C-alpha atoms as a PDB file:
ATOM      1  CA  MET A   1       0.000   0.000   0.000  1.00  0.00           C
ATOM      2  CA  ASN A   2       1.208   3.468  -0.866  1.00  0.00           C
ATOM      3  CA  GLN A   3       2.661   5.249   2.205  1.00  0.00           C
ATOM      4  CA  ALA A   4       0.590   8.374   1.558  1.00  0.00           C
ATOM      5  CA  VAL A   5      -2.634   6.333   1.375  1.00  0.00           C
ATOM      6  CA  LEU A   6      -1.738   4.523   4.591  1.00  0.00           C
ATOM      7  CA  GLN A   7      -1.029   7.807   6.382  1.00  0.00           C
ATOM      8  CA  ALA A   8      -4.339   9.250   5.153  1.00  0.00           C
ATOM      9  CA  LYS A   9      -6.250   6.190   6.412  1.00  0.00           C
ATOM     10  CA  LEU A  10      -4.508   6.391   9.791  1.00  0.00           C
ATOM     11  CA  TRP A  11      -5.293  10.120   9.975  1.00  0.00           C
ATOM     12  CA  TYR A  12      -8.987   9.448   9.313  1.00  0.00           C
ATOM     13  CA  ALA A  13      -9.069   6.534  11.770  1.00  0.00           C
ATOM     14  CA  GLN A  14      -7.589   8.692  14.506  1.00  0.00           C
ATOM     15  CA  ARG A  15      -9.970  11.578  13.840  1.00  0.00           C
ATOM     16  CA  ILE A  16     -13.057   9.348  13.746  1.00  0.00           C
ATOM     17  CA  SER A  17     -11.971   7.533  16.909  1.00  0.00           C
ATOM     18  CA  ALA A  18     -11.422  10.957  18.549  1.00  0.00           C
ATOM     19  CA  MET A  19     -15.032  11.854  17.772  1.00  0.00           C
ATOM     20  CA  VAL A  20     -16.249   8.600  19.307  1.00  0.00           C
ATOM     21  CA  LEU A  21     -14.008   9.163  22.339  1.00  0.00           C
ATOM     22  CA  GLY A  22     -15.367  12.668  22.804  1.00  0.00           C
ATOM     23  CA  ILE A  23     -18.920  11.348  22.940  1.00  0.00           C
ATOM     24  CA  CYS A  24     -17.912   8.471  25.227  1.00  0.00           C
ATOM     25  CA  VAL A  25     -16.069  10.776  27.651  1.00  0.00           C
ATOM     26  CA  ALA A  26     -19.062  13.129  27.800  1.00  0.00           C
ATOM     27  CA  ILE A  27     -21.466  10.257  28.538  1.00  0.00           C
ATOM     28  CA  HIS A  28     -19.032   8.768  31.055  1.00  0.00           C
ATOM     29  CA  LEU A  29     -18.788  12.096  32.915  1.00  0.00           C
ATOM     30  CA  ILE A  30     -22.572  12.417  32.972  1.00  0.00           C
ATOM     31  CA  ILE A  31     -22.787   8.932  34.472  1.00  0.00           C
ATOM     32  CA  ILE A  32     -20.168   9.837  37.096  1.00  0.00           C
ATOM     33  CA  PHE A  33     -21.963  13.060  38.035  1.00  0.00           C
ATOM     34  CA  TYR A  34     -25.251  11.184  38.294  1.00  0.00           C
ATOM     35  CA  ALA A  35     -23.681   8.528  40.540  1.00  0.00           C
ATOM     36  CA  ILE A  36     -21.931  11.077  42.780  1.00  0.00           C
ATOM     37  CA  ARG A  37     -24.963  13.314  43.050  1.00  0.00           C
ATOM     38  CA  GLY A  38     -27.108  10.343  43.977  1.00  0.00           C
ATOM     39  CA  GLY A  39     -24.609   9.354  46.659  1.00  0.00           C
ATOM     40  CA  LEU A  40     -24.132   5.896  45.223  1.00  0.00           C
ATOM     41  CA  SER A  41     -21.399   3.714  46.682  1.00  0.00           C
ATOM     42  CA  ALA A  42     -19.063   1.648  44.522  1.00  0.00           C
ATOM     43  CA  GLN A  43     -21.016  -1.448  45.499  1.00  0.00           C
ATOM     44  CA  GLU A  44     -24.297   0.164  44.437  1.00  0.00           C
ATOM     45  CA  ILE A  45     -22.787   1.265  41.131  1.00  0.00           C
ATOM     46  CA  LEU A  46     -21.510  -2.237  40.438  1.00  0.00           C
ATOM     47  CA  GLY A  47     -24.911  -3.607  41.401  1.00  0.00           C
ATOM     48  CA  ARG A  48     -26.497  -1.467  38.706  1.00  0.00           C
ATOM     49  CA  THR A  49     -23.908  -2.193  36.019  1.00  0.00           C
ATOM     50  CA  GLN A  50     -23.433  -5.905  36.632  1.00  0.00           C
ATOM     51  CA  GLY A  51     -25.307  -7.842  33.972  1.00  0.00           C
ATOM     52  CA  ASN A  52     -26.334  -4.640  32.181  1.00  0.00           C
ATOM     53  CA  LEU A  53     -25.673  -5.279  28.498  1.00  0.00           C
ATOM     54  CA  LEU A  54     -26.112  -1.597  27.592  1.00  0.00           C
ATOM     55  CA  PHE A  55     -23.316  -0.530  29.968  1.00  0.00           C
ATOM     56  CA  ALA A  56     -21.054  -3.332  28.730  1.00  0.00           C
ATOM     57  CA  PHE A  57     -21.700  -2.396  25.093  1.00  0.00           C
ATOM     58  CA  PHE A  58     -21.073   1.307  25.764  1.00  0.00           C
ATOM     59  CA  TYR A  59     -17.808   0.724  27.615  1.00  0.00           C
ATOM     60  CA  GLU A  60     -16.590  -1.779  25.025  1.00  0.00           C
ATOM     61  CA  ILE A  61     -17.149   0.900  22.356  1.00  0.00           C
ATOM     62  CA  PHE A  62     -15.077   3.195  24.596  1.00  0.00           C
ATOM     63  CA  VAL A  63     -12.300   0.559  24.748  1.00  0.00           C
ATOM     64  CA  LEU A  64     -12.360   0.024  20.974  1.00  0.00           C
ATOM     65  CA  ALA A  65     -12.124   3.765  20.309  1.00  0.00           C
ATOM     66  CA  CYS A  66      -9.075   3.935  22.623  1.00  0.00           C
ATOM     67  CA  PHE A  67      -7.676   0.840  20.886  1.00  0.00           C
ATOM     68  CA  VAL A  68      -7.740   2.709  17.553  1.00  0.00           C
ATOM     69  CA  HIS A  69      -6.860   6.215  18.726  1.00  0.00           C
ATOM     70  CA  ALA A  70      -3.978   5.920  21.203  1.00  0.00           C
ATOM     71  CA  PRO A  71      -1.612   3.615  19.263  1.00  0.00           C
ATOM     72  CA  ILE A  72      -1.780   5.809  16.159  1.00  0.00           C
ATOM     73  CA  GLY A  73      -0.923   8.857  18.252  1.00  0.00           C
ATOM     74  CA  ILE A  74       1.912   7.176  20.136  1.00  0.00           C
ATOM     75  CA  ALA A  75       3.373   5.825  16.880  1.00  0.00           C
ATOM     76  CA  ASN A  76       3.351   9.332  15.392  1.00  0.00           C
ATOM     77  CA  ILE A  77       4.955  10.852  18.488  1.00  0.00           C
ATOM     78  CA  LEU A  78       7.681   8.200  18.645  1.00  0.00           C
ATOM     79  CA  GLN A  79       8.333   8.398  14.894  1.00  0.00           C
ATOM     80  CA  GLU A  80       8.734  12.180  15.066  1.00  0.00           C
ATOM     81  CA  THR A  81      10.819  12.129  18.263  1.00  0.00           C
ATOM     82  CA  PHE A  82      13.025   9.104  17.497  1.00  0.00           C
ATOM     83  CA  PRO A  83      12.850   8.674  13.700  1.00  0.00           C
ATOM     84  CA  ARG A  84      15.675   6.129  13.430  1.00  0.00           C
ATOM     85  CA  SER A  85      14.913   4.042  16.510  1.00  0.00           C
ATOM     86  CA  GLY A  86      12.342   1.660  15.054  1.00  0.00           C
ATOM     87  CA  LEU A  87      10.307   1.970  18.269  1.00  0.00           C
ATOM     88  CA  ALA A  88       7.135   3.409  16.765  1.00  0.00           C
ATOM     89  CA  LYS A  89       5.480   0.290  15.358  1.00  0.00           C
ATOM     90  CA  PRO A  90       6.347  -2.155  18.168  1.00  0.00           C
ATOM     91  CA  ALA A  91       5.307   0.345  20.845  1.00  0.00           C
ATOM     92  CA  ALA A  92       2.055   1.083  19.020  1.00  0.00           C
ATOM     93  CA  TRP A  93       1.233  -2.622  18.680  1.00  0.00           C
ATOM     94  CA  LEU A  94       2.053  -3.251  22.341  1.00  0.00           C
ATOM     95  CA  LEU A  95      -0.118  -0.339  23.446  1.00  0.00           C
ATOM     96  CA  ALA A  96      -2.966  -1.521  21.197  1.00  0.00           C
ATOM     97  CA  ALA A  97      -2.778  -5.038  22.640  1.00  0.00           C
ATOM     98  CA  LEU A  98      -2.688  -3.753  26.229  1.00  0.00           C
ATOM     99  CA  ILE A  99      -5.660  -1.436  25.708  1.00  0.00           C
ATOM    100  CA  LEU A 100      -7.736  -4.146  24.054  1.00  0.00           C
ATOM    101  CA  ILE A 101      -6.881  -6.907  26.534  1.00  0.00           C
ATOM    102  CA  LEU A 102      -7.001  -4.867  29.754  1.00  0.00           C
ATOM    103  CA  GLY A 103      -9.966  -2.730  28.693  1.00  0.00           C
ATOM    104  CA  SER A 104     -12.074  -5.666  27.533  1.00  0.00           C
ATOM    105  CA  THR A 105     -11.156  -7.622  30.663  1.00  0.00           C
ATOM    106  CA  ALA A 106     -12.331  -4.703  32.805  1.00  0.00           C
ATOM    107  CA  VAL A 107     -15.623  -4.445  30.893  1.00  0.00           C
ATOM    108  CA  LEU A 108     -16.170  -8.182  31.192  1.00  0.00           C
ATOM    109  CA  GLY A 109     -15.314  -8.071  34.902  1.00  0.00           C
ATOM    110  CA  VAL A 110     -17.833  -5.315  35.580  1.00  0.00           C
ATOM    111  CA  TYR A 111     -20.480  -7.041  33.436  1.00  0.00           C
ATOM    112  CA  THR A 112     -20.060 -10.450  35.077  1.00  0.00           C
ATOM    113  CA  GLY A 113     -19.271  -9.154  38.557  1.00  0.00           C
ATOM    114  CA  GLY A 114     -15.902 -10.819  38.790  1.00  0.00           C
ATOM    115  CA  ALA A 115     -12.684 -11.689  37.070  1.00  0.00           C
ATOM    116  CA  PRO A 116     -13.073 -13.573  33.777  1.00  0.00           C
END
C-alpha cells in the first residue's frame, strides 16, 4: 500500500476515533456526576452495572475507540521524536494489545461481577 494512502487512512481513523471518544467521555462524565450526586457507593454502582448489556456495550465501544486512537498517536509521536529508533510500530502494537486486553477484561469483569 502506498505510504501516503496509509497515512491518510490512519489520519482518518484517529480523527473518527477521537469523535467517538469525545462522545464516550461526555457520557461517562454524565454517568459519574449522576452517581456522585445520587450518593451511590461503589457497590451500588456495580450492582447497577453488573449484567447490564447496555453498559457493557457502551464501555466496550469506549475501549475500541481507545484501541484505535492511542496507538496511532503514540506511533506518530515516537516516529517524530526518534525517527531512526524503530520503536514506533512495536510500541504502538504493544499499546494496542494492552488497551484491548485490559480494557475488555475490565468491561467483562464489571459485566459479570468478577474476574473472567
